[in-house]
Structures are given as structure tokens and as C-alpha cells.
Amino acid sequence: KHAGEIAWFKFEGLKLRLADNTFYTPDFAVMRADGVIEVHEVKGGFITDDGRVKLKVAAEHFPAQFYLCQKVKKAWTVEVV
């Protein structure tokens, strides 16, 4: 944000409705300076099957770039969803 690349971000700042009584709240919502919205899901270990399905459904239905940041062994990986 200080460098001017990010206009806004918030921890658990969005709640996305996927279906009736089904919601997905990503860890971080980010608006870049160019107006593009990014959604970041951060997992220190594993992601549940339910969590992965919700992430993929959200990525298919909402106009944002979705990322899964996951710690695998001792290294962090970033997967574009």
C-alpha cells in the first residue's frame, strides 16, 4: 500500500454468497491500484475438500483473481484458482 500498488485490503472483508445458505469468506480481499480485485485464501497446512470446492465455485462466479497461498512442507506456494 505504501508503494502505491495496493489501493485497499481487508482481512475477511468480503462474504460471498455461493448458493442458498452457502457462503465463502476469503482471508484477504485486495484492490490493486489499477482497480483489479484479488482474493487471497491462506492456509498454513491443508485445505479441506469443502474449502477447496467453495474457493473454486467462487472463482468461477465472481469477477476477481483468486489465489490459494499454502504452506507445503517448509515452503509457501501460490496457486492461481
N, C-alpha and C. Protein backbone atom coordinates (compact mmCIF):
# COMPACT_ATOMS: atom_id res chain seq x y z
N LYS A 1 0.84 -1.18 0.00
CA LYS A 1 0.00 0.00 0.00
C LYS A 1 0.88 1.25 0.00
N HIS A 2 1.93 1.23 0.78
CA HIS A 2 2.84 2.37 0.86
C HIS A 2 3.51 2.64 -0.49
N ALA A 3 3.77 1.60 -1.26
CA ALA A 3 4.42 1.74 -2.57
C ALA A 3 3.43 2.17 -3.66
N GLY A 4 2.14 2.21 -3.33
CA GLY A 4 1.15 2.63 -4.30
C GLY A 4 0.61 1.52 -5.18
N GLU A 5 0.96 0.27 -4.91
CA GLU A 5 0.49 -0.85 -5.72
C GLU A 5 -0.88 -1.38 -5.26
N ILE A 6 -1.21 -1.13 -4.02
CA ILE A 6 -2.47 -1.61 -3.44
C ILE A 6 -3.27 -0.41 -2.97
N ALA A 7 -4.52 -0.32 -3.43
CA ALA A 7 -5.39 0.77 -3.02
C ALA A 7 -6.10 0.46 -1.71
N TRP A 8 -6.44 -0.83 -1.49
CA TRP A 8 -7.22 -1.22 -0.30
C TRP A 8 -7.04 -2.70 -0.06
N PHE A 9 -7.07 -3.10 1.22
CA PHE A 9 -7.12 -4.52 1.56
C PHE A 9 -7.81 -4.66 2.91
N LYS A 10 -8.39 -5.83 3.14
CA LYS A 10 -9.06 -6.07 4.41
C LYS A 10 -9.07 -7.57 4.70
N PHE A 11 -8.78 -7.91 5.95
CA PHE A 11 -8.86 -9.29 6.41
C PHE A 11 -10.33 -9.65 6.58
N GLU A 12 -10.76 -10.73 5.95
CA GLU A 12 -12.15 -11.19 5.96
C GLU A 12 -13.11 -10.05 5.63
N GLY A 13 -12.76 -9.27 4.61
CA GLY A 13 -13.53 -8.10 4.22
C GLY A 13 -14.68 -8.37 3.27
N LEU A 14 -14.79 -9.58 2.76
CA LEU A 14 -15.88 -9.94 1.84
C LEU A 14 -16.57 -11.20 2.34
N LYS A 15 -17.86 -11.29 2.07
CA LYS A 15 -18.61 -12.52 2.31
C LYS A 15 -19.38 -12.78 1.02
N LEU A 16 -19.02 -13.83 0.31
CA LEU A 16 -19.59 -14.13 -0.99
C LEU A 16 -20.67 -15.20 -0.87
N ARG A 17 -21.84 -14.93 -1.44
CA ARG A 17 -22.92 -15.92 -1.42
C ARG A 17 -22.73 -16.84 -2.63
N LEU A 18 -22.58 -18.13 -2.37
CA LEU A 18 -22.39 -19.11 -3.43
C LEU A 18 -23.70 -19.78 -3.83
N ALA A 19 -24.59 -19.96 -2.86
CA ALA A 19 -25.89 -20.59 -3.08
C ALA A 19 -26.74 -20.27 -1.84
N ASP A 20 -27.97 -20.76 -1.82
CA ASP A 20 -28.79 -20.55 -0.63
C ASP A 20 -28.09 -21.12 0.60
N ASN A 21 -27.93 -20.31 1.61
CA ASN A 21 -27.30 -20.71 2.87
C ASN A 21 -25.87 -21.23 2.71
N THR A 22 -25.20 -20.85 1.65
CA THR A 22 -23.80 -21.25 1.44
C THR A 22 -22.98 -20.02 1.12
N PHE A 23 -22.01 -19.73 1.96
CA PHE A 23 -21.18 -18.54 1.82
C PHE A 23 -19.71 -18.91 1.86
N TYR A 24 -18.91 -18.02 1.31
CA TYR A 24 -17.46 -18.17 1.36
C TYR A 24 -16.87 -16.82 1.79
N THR A 25 -16.09 -16.83 2.84
CA THR A 25 -15.41 -15.64 3.33
C THR A 25 -13.91 -15.84 3.15
N PRO A 26 -13.32 -15.20 2.15
CA PRO A 26 -11.88 -15.35 1.93
C PRO A 26 -11.08 -14.66 3.02
N ASP A 27 -9.83 -15.09 3.19
CA ASP A 27 -8.98 -14.49 4.21
C ASP A 27 -8.69 -13.03 3.92
N PHE A 28 -8.33 -12.71 2.69
CA PHE A 28 -7.99 -11.32 2.35
C PHE A 28 -8.65 -10.91 1.05
N ALA A 29 -9.21 -9.71 1.05
CA ALA A 29 -9.69 -9.06 -0.16
C ALA A 29 -8.73 -7.91 -0.44
N VAL A 30 -8.30 -7.79 -1.68
CA VAL A 30 -7.30 -6.77 -2.05
C VAL A 30 -7.79 -6.06 -3.31
N MET A 31 -7.72 -4.72 -3.29
CA MET A 31 -7.95 -3.96 -4.52
C MET A 31 -6.63 -3.33 -4.91
N ARG A 32 -6.15 -3.72 -6.08
CA ARG A 32 -4.90 -3.15 -6.58
C ARG A 32 -5.13 -1.71 -7.02
N ALA A 33 -4.06 -0.98 -7.21
CA ALA A 33 -4.15 0.42 -7.63
C ALA A 33 -4.83 0.56 -8.99
N ASP A 34 -4.74 -0.48 -9.83
CA ASP A 34 -5.38 -0.43 -11.15
C ASP A 34 -6.86 -0.84 -11.11
N GLY A 35 -7.39 -1.10 -9.91
CA GLY A 35 -8.80 -1.43 -9.74
C GLY A 35 -9.13 -2.91 -9.77
N VAL A 36 -8.18 -3.76 -10.07
CA VAL A 36 -8.42 -5.20 -10.10
C VAL A 36 -8.58 -5.72 -8.67
N ILE A 37 -9.60 -6.55 -8.47
CA ILE A 37 -9.84 -7.16 -7.17
C ILE A 37 -9.16 -8.52 -7.12
N GLU A 38 -8.45 -8.78 -6.04
CA GLU A 38 -7.83 -10.08 -5.79
C GLU A 38 -8.40 -10.66 -4.51
N VAL A 39 -8.54 -11.97 -4.47
CA VAL A 39 -9.00 -12.70 -3.30
C VAL A 39 -7.90 -13.69 -2.93
N HIS A 40 -7.45 -13.63 -1.68
CA HIS A 40 -6.35 -14.49 -1.22
C HIS A 40 -6.84 -15.38 -0.09
N GLU A 41 -6.71 -16.68 -0.28
CA GLU A 41 -7.00 -17.66 0.75
C GLU A 41 -5.66 -18.20 1.23
N VAL A 42 -5.41 -18.13 2.53
CA VAL A 42 -4.11 -18.52 3.09
C VAL A 42 -4.30 -19.70 4.01
N LYS A 43 -3.56 -20.77 3.75
CA LYS A 43 -3.62 -21.98 4.57
C LYS A 43 -2.22 -22.36 5.02
N GLY A 44 -2.04 -22.51 6.32
CA GLY A 44 -0.74 -22.88 6.86
C GLY A 44 -0.48 -24.37 6.75
N GLY A 45 -1.50 -25.14 6.49
CA GLY A 45 -1.36 -26.58 6.36
C GLY A 45 -2.16 -27.07 5.18
N PHE A 46 -3.24 -27.78 5.46
CA PHE A 46 -4.05 -28.35 4.38
C PHE A 46 -5.35 -27.56 4.24
N ILE A 47 -5.99 -27.72 3.10
CA ILE A 47 -7.30 -27.13 2.86
C ILE A 47 -8.30 -28.27 2.77
N THR A 48 -9.45 -28.10 3.41
CA THR A 48 -10.46 -29.15 3.39
C THR A 48 -11.09 -29.24 2.00
N ASP A 49 -11.73 -30.38 1.73
CA ASP A 49 -12.42 -30.54 0.45
C ASP A 49 -13.52 -29.48 0.29
N ASP A 50 -14.24 -29.21 1.37
CA ASP A 50 -15.29 -28.20 1.35
C ASP A 50 -14.71 -26.83 1.03
N GLY A 51 -13.59 -26.50 1.65
CA GLY A 51 -12.95 -25.22 1.40
C GLY A 51 -12.46 -25.08 -0.03
N ARG A 52 -11.91 -26.13 -0.58
CA ARG A 52 -11.42 -26.09 -1.97
C ARG A 52 -12.59 -25.94 -2.96
N VAL A 53 -13.69 -26.64 -2.70
CA VAL A 53 -14.86 -26.53 -3.58
C VAL A 53 -15.41 -25.11 -3.53
N LYS A 54 -15.55 -24.54 -2.34
CA LYS A 54 -16.06 -23.17 -2.21
C LYS A 54 -15.15 -22.18 -2.93
N LEU A 55 -13.85 -22.37 -2.81
CA LEU A 55 -12.90 -21.48 -3.47
C LEU A 55 -13.05 -21.57 -4.99
N LYS A 56 -13.18 -22.77 -5.53
CA LYS A 56 -13.31 -22.94 -6.97
C LYS A 56 -14.64 -22.40 -7.49
N VAL A 57 -15.72 -22.62 -6.75
CA VAL A 57 -17.03 -22.09 -7.15
C VAL A 57 -17.00 -20.57 -7.14
N ALA A 58 -16.42 -19.98 -6.12
CA ALA A 58 -16.32 -18.52 -6.04
C ALA A 58 -15.51 -17.97 -7.21
N ALA A 59 -14.41 -18.63 -7.55
CA ALA A 59 -13.55 -18.19 -8.65
C ALA A 59 -14.29 -18.24 -9.99
N GLU A 60 -15.21 -19.18 -10.13
CA GLU A 60 -15.98 -19.30 -11.37
C GLU A 60 -17.08 -18.24 -11.48
N HIS A 61 -17.57 -17.73 -10.34
CA HIS A 61 -18.75 -16.88 -10.35
C HIS A 61 -18.52 -15.41 -10.05
N PHE A 62 -17.34 -15.04 -9.60
CA PHE A 62 -17.10 -13.65 -9.23
C PHE A 62 -15.94 -13.07 -10.03
N PRO A 63 -16.04 -11.79 -10.42
CA PRO A 63 -15.01 -11.15 -11.26
C PRO A 63 -13.81 -10.67 -10.46
N ALA A 64 -13.03 -11.61 -10.01
CA ALA A 64 -11.82 -11.30 -9.24
C ALA A 64 -10.77 -12.35 -9.57
N GLN A 65 -9.54 -12.05 -9.22
CA GLN A 65 -8.47 -13.03 -9.35
C GLN A 65 -8.32 -13.73 -8.01
N PHE A 66 -8.42 -15.05 -8.00
CA PHE A 66 -8.38 -15.84 -6.78
C PHE A 66 -7.04 -16.55 -6.65
N TYR A 67 -6.49 -16.52 -5.44
CA TYR A 67 -5.21 -17.16 -5.16
C TYR A 67 -5.32 -18.02 -3.91
N LEU A 68 -4.72 -19.19 -3.95
CA LEU A 68 -4.58 -20.05 -2.77
C LEU A 68 -3.12 -20.04 -2.39
N CYS A 69 -2.83 -19.47 -1.23
CA CYS A 69 -1.46 -19.42 -0.69
C CYS A 69 -1.38 -20.50 0.38
N GLN A 70 -0.52 -21.48 0.17
CA GLN A 70 -0.50 -22.65 1.04
C GLN A 70 0.93 -23.02 1.40
N LYS A 71 1.12 -23.39 2.67
CA LYS A 71 2.42 -23.84 3.11
C LYS A 71 2.51 -25.35 2.87
N VAL A 72 3.47 -25.74 2.02
CA VAL A 72 3.70 -27.14 1.70
C VAL A 72 5.09 -27.48 2.19
N LYS A 73 5.14 -28.38 3.14
CA LYS A 73 6.38 -28.69 3.84
C LYS A 73 6.89 -27.40 4.47
N LYS A 74 8.03 -26.88 4.08
CA LYS A 74 8.55 -25.65 4.69
C LYS A 74 8.52 -24.46 3.76
N ALA A 75 7.88 -24.63 2.60
CA ALA A 75 7.85 -23.54 1.61
C ALA A 75 6.41 -23.13 1.33
N TRP A 76 6.23 -21.86 1.02
CA TRP A 76 4.91 -21.35 0.65
C TRP A 76 4.75 -21.44 -0.86
N THR A 77 3.56 -21.88 -1.29
CA THR A 77 3.23 -21.94 -2.70
C THR A 77 2.03 -21.02 -2.97
N VAL A 78 1.93 -20.50 -4.17
CA VAL A 78 0.79 -19.70 -4.57
C VAL A 78 0.19 -20.34 -5.81
N GLU A 79 -1.09 -20.67 -5.72
CA GLU A 79 -1.80 -21.31 -6.82
C GLU A 79 -2.89 -20.36 -7.30
N VAL A 80 -2.92 -20.09 -8.58
CA VAL A 80 -3.99 -19.29 -9.16
C VAL A 80 -5.18 -20.22 -9.36
N VAL A 81 -6.31 -19.82 -8.82
CA VAL A 81 -7.50 -20.68 -8.88
C VAL A 81 -8.33 -20.31 -10.09
